Amino acid sequence: MEPSTDNVGVTGYQIFRSTTAGVLGPVVGTSATASYSDTGLTSGTTYYYAIKAIDAAGNTSWRTDLKPGTAQ
């Protein structure tokens, strides 16, 4: 993922996860960088992720589209 930019400064990201295509799941983590490692997943299960950037003023961006990933 490419890091977000903002006029106030991006301070982190919210990571959303779901096991259902097209459904935004709950926030499962945050990251101060454009990198995140998810743990505790079931091997062979497809998970769908979306991300929102958070700036220094507490504003959040629009979320990304849901992207699939399969646990190894």
PDB file of N, CA and C in Angstrom:
ATOM      1  N   MET A   1       0.842  -1.171   0.000  1.00  0.00           N
ATOM      2  CA  MET A   1       0.000   0.000   0.000  1.00  0.00           C
ATOM      3  C   MET A   1       0.889   1.235   0.000  1.00  0.00           C
ATOM      4  N   GLU A   2       0.476   2.241  -0.744  1.00  0.00           N
ATOM      5  CA  GLU A   2       1.178   3.521  -0.754  1.00  0.00           C
ATOM      6  C   GLU A   2       0.742   4.332   0.464  1.00  0.00           C
ATOM      7  N   PRO A   3       1.672   4.996   1.135  1.00  0.00           N
ATOM      8  CA  PRO A   3       1.287   5.845   2.268  1.00  0.00           C
ATOM      9  C   PRO A   3       0.383   6.991   1.819  1.00  0.00           C
ATOM     10  N   SER A   4      -0.545   7.394   2.680  1.00  0.00           N
ATOM     11  CA  SER A   4      -1.422   8.527   2.395  1.00  0.00           C
ATOM     12  C   SER A   4      -0.710   9.825   2.732  1.00  0.00           C
ATOM     13  N   THR A   5      -1.193  10.923   2.143  1.00  0.00           N
ATOM     14  CA  THR A   5      -0.698  12.249   2.486  1.00  0.00           C
ATOM     15  C   THR A   5      -1.882  13.124   2.842  1.00  0.00           C
ATOM     16  N   ASP A   6      -1.611  14.208   3.538  1.00  0.00           N
ATOM     17  CA  ASP A   6      -2.675  15.059   4.066  1.00  0.00           C
ATOM     18  C   ASP A   6      -2.061  16.406   4.439  1.00  0.00           C
ATOM     19  N   ASN A   7      -2.853  17.476   4.428  1.00  0.00           N
ATOM     20  CA  ASN A   7      -2.312  18.806   4.749  1.00  0.00           C
ATOM     21  C   ASN A   7      -1.975  18.958   6.227  1.00  0.00           C
ATOM     22  N   VAL A   8      -2.496  18.098   7.103  1.00  0.00           N
ATOM     23  CA  VAL A   8      -2.204  18.150   8.536  1.00  0.00           C
ATOM     24  C   VAL A   8      -1.154  17.105   8.906  1.00  0.00           C
ATOM     25  N   GLY A   9      -1.038  16.056   8.116  1.00  0.00           N
ATOM     26  CA  GLY A   9      -0.075  14.985   8.367  1.00  0.00           C
ATOM     27  C   GLY A   9      -0.755  13.710   8.819  1.00  0.00           C
ATOM     28  N   VAL A  10      -0.580  12.648   8.064  1.00  0.00           N
ATOM     29  CA  VAL A  10      -1.153  11.344   8.415  1.00  0.00           C
ATOM     30  C   VAL A  10      -0.360  10.764   9.580  1.00  0.00           C
ATOM     31  N   THR A  11      -1.081  10.318  10.601  1.00  0.00           N
ATOM     32  CA  THR A  11      -0.427   9.757  11.785  1.00  0.00           C
ATOM     33  C   THR A  11      -0.633   8.259  11.935  1.00  0.00           C
ATOM     34  N   GLY A  12      -1.538   7.682  11.160  1.00  0.00           N
ATOM     35  CA  GLY A  12      -1.755   6.250  11.270  1.00  0.00           C
ATOM     36  C   GLY A  12      -2.860   5.761  10.366  1.00  0.00           C
ATOM     37  N   TYR A  13      -3.168   4.469  10.516  1.00  0.00           N
ATOM     38  CA  TYR A  13      -4.153   3.802   9.674  1.00  0.00           C
ATOM     39  C   TYR A  13      -5.020   2.877  10.521  1.00  0.00           C
ATOM     40  N   GLN A  14      -6.298   2.767  10.165  1.00  0.00           N
ATOM     41  CA  GLN A  14      -7.202   1.786  10.750  1.00  0.00           C
ATOM     42  C   GLN A  14      -7.335   0.648   9.747  1.00  0.00           C
ATOM     43  N   ILE A  15      -7.273  -0.585  10.232  1.00  0.00           N
ATOM     44  CA  ILE A  15      -7.392  -1.752   9.360  1.00  0.00           C
ATOM     45  C   ILE A  15      -8.695  -2.479   9.688  1.00  0.00           C
ATOM     46  N   PHE A  16      -9.497  -2.712   8.658  1.00  0.00           N
ATOM     47  CA  PHE A  16     -10.785  -3.400   8.791  1.00  0.00           C
ATOM     48  C   PHE A  16     -10.654  -4.777   8.149  1.00  0.00           C
ATOM     49  N   ARG A  17     -11.297  -5.808   8.738  1.00  0.00           N
ATOM     50  CA  ARG A  17     -11.228  -7.157   8.183  1.00  0.00           C
ATOM     51  C   ARG A  17     -12.601  -7.823   8.229  1.00  0.00           C
ATOM     52  N   SER A  18     -12.910  -8.574   7.177  1.00  0.00           N
ATOM     53  CA  SER A  18     -14.162  -9.323   7.083  1.00  0.00           C
ATOM     54  C   SER A  18     -13.877 -10.659   6.407  1.00  0.00           C
ATOM     55  N   THR A  19     -14.749 -11.630   6.614  1.00  0.00           N
ATOM     56  CA  THR A  19     -14.652 -12.895   5.886  1.00  0.00           C
ATOM     57  C   THR A  19     -15.730 -12.988   4.812  1.00  0.00           C
ATOM     58  N   THR A  20     -16.475 -11.897   4.614  1.00  0.00           N
ATOM     59  CA  THR A  20     -17.553 -11.864   3.631  1.00  0.00           C
ATOM     60  C   THR A  20     -17.255 -10.811   2.571  1.00  0.00           C
ATOM     61  N   ALA A  21     -17.219 -11.226   1.307  1.00  0.00           N
ATOM     62  CA  ALA A  21     -16.968 -10.289   0.207  1.00  0.00           C
ATOM     63  C   ALA A  21     -18.028  -9.194   0.201  1.00  0.00           C
ATOM     64  N   GLY A  22     -17.598  -7.958   0.036  1.00  0.00           N
ATOM     65  CA  GLY A  22     -18.526  -6.835  -0.056  1.00  0.00           C
ATOM     66  C   GLY A  22     -19.021  -6.305   1.269  1.00  0.00           C
ATOM     67  N   VAL A  23     -18.570  -6.889   2.385  1.00  0.00           N
ATOM     68  CA  VAL A  23     -19.023  -6.455   3.716  1.00  0.00           C
ATOM     69  C   VAL A  23     -17.830  -5.904   4.481  1.00  0.00           C
ATOM     70  N   LEU A  24     -17.948  -4.659   4.941  1.00  0.00           N
ATOM     71  CA  LEU A  24     -16.892  -4.043   5.742  1.00  0.00           C
ATOM     72  C   LEU A  24     -16.959  -4.610   7.154  1.00  0.00           C
ATOM     73  N   GLY A  25     -15.890  -5.227   7.586  1.00  0.00           N
ATOM     74  CA  GLY A  25     -15.825  -5.789   8.925  1.00  0.00           C
ATOM     75  C   GLY A  25     -15.380  -4.744   9.935  1.00  0.00           C
ATOM     76  N   PRO A  26     -15.189  -5.157  11.185  1.00  0.00           N
ATOM     77  CA  PRO A  26     -14.769  -4.242  12.237  1.00  0.00           C
ATOM     78  C   PRO A  26     -13.286  -3.881  12.123  1.00  0.00           C
ATOM     79  N   VAL A  27     -12.885  -2.841  12.841  1.00  0.00           N
ATOM     80  CA  VAL A  27     -11.469  -2.490  12.938  1.00  0.00           C
ATOM     81  C   VAL A  27     -10.773  -3.607  13.707  1.00  0.00           C
ATOM     82  N   VAL A  28      -9.728  -4.184  13.115  1.00  0.00           N
ATOM     83  CA  VAL A  28      -8.992  -5.262  13.766  1.00  0.00           C
ATOM     84  C   VAL A  28      -7.601  -4.822  14.198  1.00  0.00           C
ATOM     85  N   GLY A  29      -7.221  -3.611  13.830  1.00  0.00           N
ATOM     86  CA  GLY A  29      -5.921  -3.118  14.224  1.00  0.00           C
ATOM     87  C   GLY A  29      -5.658  -1.726  13.697  1.00  0.00           C
ATOM     88  N   THR A  30      -4.557  -1.176  14.156  1.00  0.00           N
ATOM     89  CA  THR A  30      -4.084   0.118  13.682  1.00  0.00           C
ATOM     90  C   THR A  30      -2.591  -0.002  13.411  1.00  0.00           C
ATOM     91  N   SER A  31      -2.098   0.921  12.620  1.00  0.00           N
ATOM     92  CA  SER A  31      -0.678   0.940  12.311  1.00  0.00           C
ATOM     93  C   SER A  31      -0.234   2.385  12.126  1.00  0.00           C
ATOM     94  N   ALA A  32       0.958   2.687  12.583  1.00  0.00           N
ATOM     95  CA  ALA A  32       1.519   4.025  12.397  1.00  0.00           C
ATOM     96  C   ALA A  32       2.166   4.159  11.021  1.00  0.00           C
ATOM     97  N   THR A  33       2.340   3.037  10.315  1.00  0.00           N
ATOM     98  CA  THR A  33       2.964   3.041   8.993  1.00  0.00           C
ATOM     99  C   THR A  33       2.020   2.393   7.982  1.00  0.00           C
ATOM    100  N   ALA A  34       2.446   2.373   6.733  1.00  0.00           N
ATOM    101  CA  ALA A  34       1.642   1.762   5.669  1.00  0.00           C
ATOM    102  C   ALA A  34       1.891   0.261   5.591  1.00  0.00           C
ATOM    103  N   SER A  35       2.168  -0.363   6.731  1.00  0.00           N
ATOM    104  CA  SER A  35       2.420  -1.797   6.799  1.00  0.00           C
ATOM    105  C   SER A  35       1.669  -2.368   7.994  1.00  0.00           C
ATOM    106  N   TYR A  36       1.137  -3.597   7.842  1.00  0.00           N
ATOM    107  CA  TYR A  36       0.402  -4.243   8.923  1.00  0.00           C
ATOM    108  C   TYR A  36       0.476  -5.752   8.740  1.00  0.00           C
ATOM    109  N   SER A  37       0.761  -6.482   9.801  1.00  0.00           N
ATOM    110  CA  SER A  37       0.765  -7.945   9.783  1.00  0.00           C
ATOM    111  C   SER A  37      -0.389  -8.435  10.635  1.00  0.00           C
ATOM    112  N   ASP A  38      -1.280  -9.200  10.018  1.00  0.00           N
ATOM    113  CA  ASP A  38      -2.434  -9.746  10.725  1.00  0.00           C
ATOM    114  C   ASP A  38      -2.064 -11.116  11.284  1.00  0.00           C
ATOM    115  N   THR A  39      -2.527 -11.429  12.481  1.00  0.00           N
ATOM    116  CA  THR A  39      -2.202 -12.702  13.114  1.00  0.00           C
ATOM    117  C   THR A  39      -3.472 -13.403  13.576  1.00  0.00           C
ATOM    118  N   GLY A  40      -3.336 -14.679  13.917  1.00  0.00           N
ATOM    119  CA  GLY A  40      -4.460 -15.442  14.427  1.00  0.00           C
ATOM    120  C   GLY A  40      -5.484 -15.816  13.370  1.00  0.00           C
ATOM    121  N   LEU A  41      -5.057 -15.891  12.115  1.00  0.00           N
ATOM    122  CA  LEU A  41      -5.975 -16.194  11.022  1.00  0.00           C
ATOM    123  C   LEU A  41      -6.053 -17.704  10.782  1.00  0.00           C
ATOM    124  N   THR A  42      -7.141 -18.129  10.159  1.00  0.00           N
ATOM    125  CA  THR A  42      -7.329 -19.532   9.819  1.00  0.00           C
ATOM    126  C   THR A  42      -6.771 -19.801   8.420  1.00  0.00           C
ATOM    127  N   SER A  43      -5.842 -20.754   8.328  1.00  0.00           N
ATOM    128  CA  SER A  43      -5.212 -21.097   7.052  1.00  0.00           C
ATOM    129  C   SER A  43      -6.256 -21.489   6.015  1.00  0.00           C
ATOM    130  N   GLY A  44      -6.089 -20.978   4.800  1.00  0.00           N
ATOM    131  CA  GLY A  44      -6.994 -21.290   3.700  1.00  0.00           C
ATOM    132  C   GLY A  44      -8.242 -20.436   3.640  1.00  0.00           C
ATOM    133  N   THR A  45      -8.462 -19.588   4.628  1.00  0.00           N
ATOM    134  CA  THR A  45      -9.631 -18.713   4.666  1.00  0.00           C
ATOM    135  C   THR A  45      -9.318 -17.409   3.939  1.00  0.00           C
ATOM    136  N   THR A  46     -10.246 -16.942   3.116  1.00  0.00           N
ATOM    137  CA  THR A  46     -10.082 -15.650   2.447  1.00  0.00           C
ATOM    138  C   THR A  46     -10.636 -14.555   3.352  1.00  0.00           C
ATOM    139  N   TYR A  47      -9.829 -13.531   3.565  1.00  0.00           N
ATOM    140  CA  TYR A  47     -10.219 -12.366   4.357  1.00  0.00           C
ATOM    141  C   TYR A  47     -10.235 -11.151   3.433  1.00  0.00           C
ATOM    142  N   TYR A  48     -11.093 -10.188   3.748  1.00  0.00           N
ATOM    143  CA  TYR A  48     -11.227  -8.971   2.956  1.00  0.00           C
ATOM    144  C   TYR A  48     -10.843  -7.793   3.834  1.00  0.00           C
ATOM    145  N   TYR A  49      -9.956  -6.943   3.319  1.00  0.00           N
ATOM    146  CA  TYR A  49      -9.407  -5.837   4.092  1.00  0.00           C
ATOM    147  C   TYR A  49      -9.729  -4.490   3.457  1.00  0.00           C
ATOM    148  N   ALA A  50      -9.900  -3.503   4.315  1.00  0.00           N
ATOM    149  CA  ALA A  50     -10.025  -2.109   3.894  1.00  0.00           C
ATOM    150  C   ALA A  50      -9.224  -1.273   4.892  1.00  0.00           C
ATOM    151  N   ILE A  51      -8.818  -0.094   4.469  1.00  0.00           N
ATOM    152  CA  ILE A  51      -7.975   0.764   5.302  1.00  0.00           C
ATOM    153  C   ILE A  51      -8.470   2.200   5.233  1.00  0.00           C
ATOM    154  N   LYS A  52      -8.369   2.894   6.375  1.00  0.00           N
ATOM    155  CA  LYS A  52      -8.620   4.340   6.443  1.00  0.00           C
ATOM    156  C   LYS A  52      -7.391   5.000   7.045  1.00  0.00           C
ATOM    157  N   ALA A  53      -7.001   6.142   6.489  1.00  0.00           N
ATOM    158  CA  ALA A  53      -5.912   6.928   7.058  1.00  0.00           C
ATOM    159  C   ALA A  53      -6.479   7.871   8.112  1.00  0.00           C
ATOM    160  N   ILE A  54      -5.674   8.168   9.130  1.00  0.00           N
ATOM    161  CA  ILE A  54      -6.052   9.093  10.205  1.00  0.00           C
ATOM    162  C   ILE A  54      -5.005  10.201  10.229  1.00  0.00           C
ATOM    163  N   ASP A  55      -5.462  11.467  10.295  1.00  0.00           N
ATOM    164  CA  ASP A  55      -4.491  12.561  10.343  1.00  0.00           C
ATOM    165  C   ASP A  55      -4.326  13.082  11.765  1.00  0.00           C
ATOM    166  N   ALA A  56      -3.411  14.037  11.940  1.00  0.00           N
ATOM    167  CA  ALA A  56      -3.075  14.576  13.259  1.00  0.00           C
ATOM    168  C   ALA A  56      -4.251  15.272  13.934  1.00  0.00           C
ATOM    169  N   ALA A  57      -5.245  15.701  13.152  1.00  0.00           N
ATOM    170  CA  ALA A  57      -6.427  16.355  13.722  1.00  0.00           C
ATOM    171  C   ALA A  57      -7.522  15.346  14.078  1.00  0.00           C
ATOM    172  N   GLY A  58      -7.279  14.042  13.830  1.00  0.00           N
ATOM    173  CA  GLY A  58      -8.272  13.014  14.130  1.00  0.00           C
ATOM    174  C   GLY A  58      -9.249  12.727  13.007  1.00  0.00           C
ATOM    175  N   ASN A  59      -9.057  13.374  11.853  1.00  0.00           N
ATOM    176  CA  ASN A  59      -9.925  13.116  10.704  1.00  0.00           C
ATOM    177  C   ASN A  59      -9.545  11.786  10.058  1.00  0.00           C
ATOM    178  N   THR A  60     -10.537  11.092   9.500  1.00  0.00           N
ATOM    179  CA  THR A  60     -10.254   9.848   8.777  1.00  0.00           C
ATOM    180  C   THR A  60     -10.583  10.030   7.303  1.00  0.00           C
ATOM    181  N   SER A  61      -9.836   9.309   6.479  1.00  0.00           N
ATOM    182  CA  SER A  61     -10.072   9.344   5.033  1.00  0.00           C
ATOM    183  C   SER A  61     -11.238   8.429   4.695  1.00  0.00           C
ATOM    184  N   TRP A  62     -11.639   8.470   3.422  1.00  0.00           N
ATOM    185  CA  TRP A  62     -12.554   7.450   2.923  1.00  0.00           C
ATOM    186  C   TRP A  62     -11.800   6.140   2.991  1.00  0.00           C
ATOM    187  N   ARG A  63     -12.501   5.055   3.194  1.00  0.00           N
ATOM    188  CA  ARG A  63     -11.823   3.762   3.246  1.00  0.00           C
ATOM    189  C   ARG A  63     -11.460   3.302   1.836  1.00  0.00           C
ATOM    190  N   THR A  64     -10.483   2.440   1.755  1.00  0.00           N
ATOM    191  CA  THR A  64     -10.139   1.820   0.475  1.00  0.00           C
ATOM    192  C   THR A  64     -11.219   0.815   0.105  1.00  0.00           C
ATOM    193  N   ASP A  65     -11.193   0.370  -1.133  1.00  0.00           N
ATOM    194  CA  ASP A  65     -12.062  -0.735  -1.530  1.00  0.00           C
ATOM    195  C   ASP A  65     -11.606  -1.989  -0.786  1.00  0.00           C
ATOM    196  N   LEU A  66     -12.528  -2.928  -0.577  1.00  0.00           N
ATOM    197  CA  LEU A  66     -12.159  -4.190   0.062  1.00  0.00           C
ATOM    198  C   LEU A  66     -11.271  -4.990  -0.877  1.00  0.00           C
ATOM    199  N   LYS A  67     -10.165  -5.504  -0.350  1.00  0.00           N
ATOM    200  CA  LYS A  67      -9.223  -6.306  -1.116  1.00  0.00           C
ATOM    201  C   LYS A  67      -9.092  -7.672  -0.456  1.00  0.00           C
ATOM    202  N   PRO A  68      -9.149  -8.760  -1.244  1.00  0.00           N
ATOM    203  CA  PRO A  68      -9.045 -10.102  -0.654  1.00  0.00           C
ATOM    204  C   PRO A  68      -7.607 -10.519  -0.392  1.00  0.00           C
ATOM    205  N   GLY A  69      -7.443 -11.382   0.586  1.00  0.00           N
ATOM    206  CA  GLY A  69      -6.166 -12.019   0.882  1.00  0.00           C
ATOM    207  C   GLY A  69      -6.467 -13.351   1.548  1.00  0.00           C
ATOM    208  N   THR A  70      -5.686 -14.383   1.235  1.00  0.00           N
ATOM    209  CA  THR A  70      -5.917 -15.702   1.792  1.00  0.00           C
ATOM    210  C   THR A  70      -4.815 -16.028   2.798  1.00  0.00           C
ATOM    211  N   ALA A  71      -5.224 -16.451   3.993  1.00  0.00           N
ATOM    212  CA  ALA A  71      -4.265 -16.807   5.034  1.00  0.00           C
ATOM    213  C   ALA A  71      -3.476 -18.039   4.616  1.00  0.00           C
ATOM    214  N   GLN A  72      -2.186 -18.033   4.902  1.00  0.00           N
ATOM    215  CA  GLN A  72      -1.305 -19.151   4.549  1.00  0.00           C
ATOM    216  C   GLN A  72      -1.234 -20.161   5.665  1.00  0.00           C
TER     217      GLN A  72
END
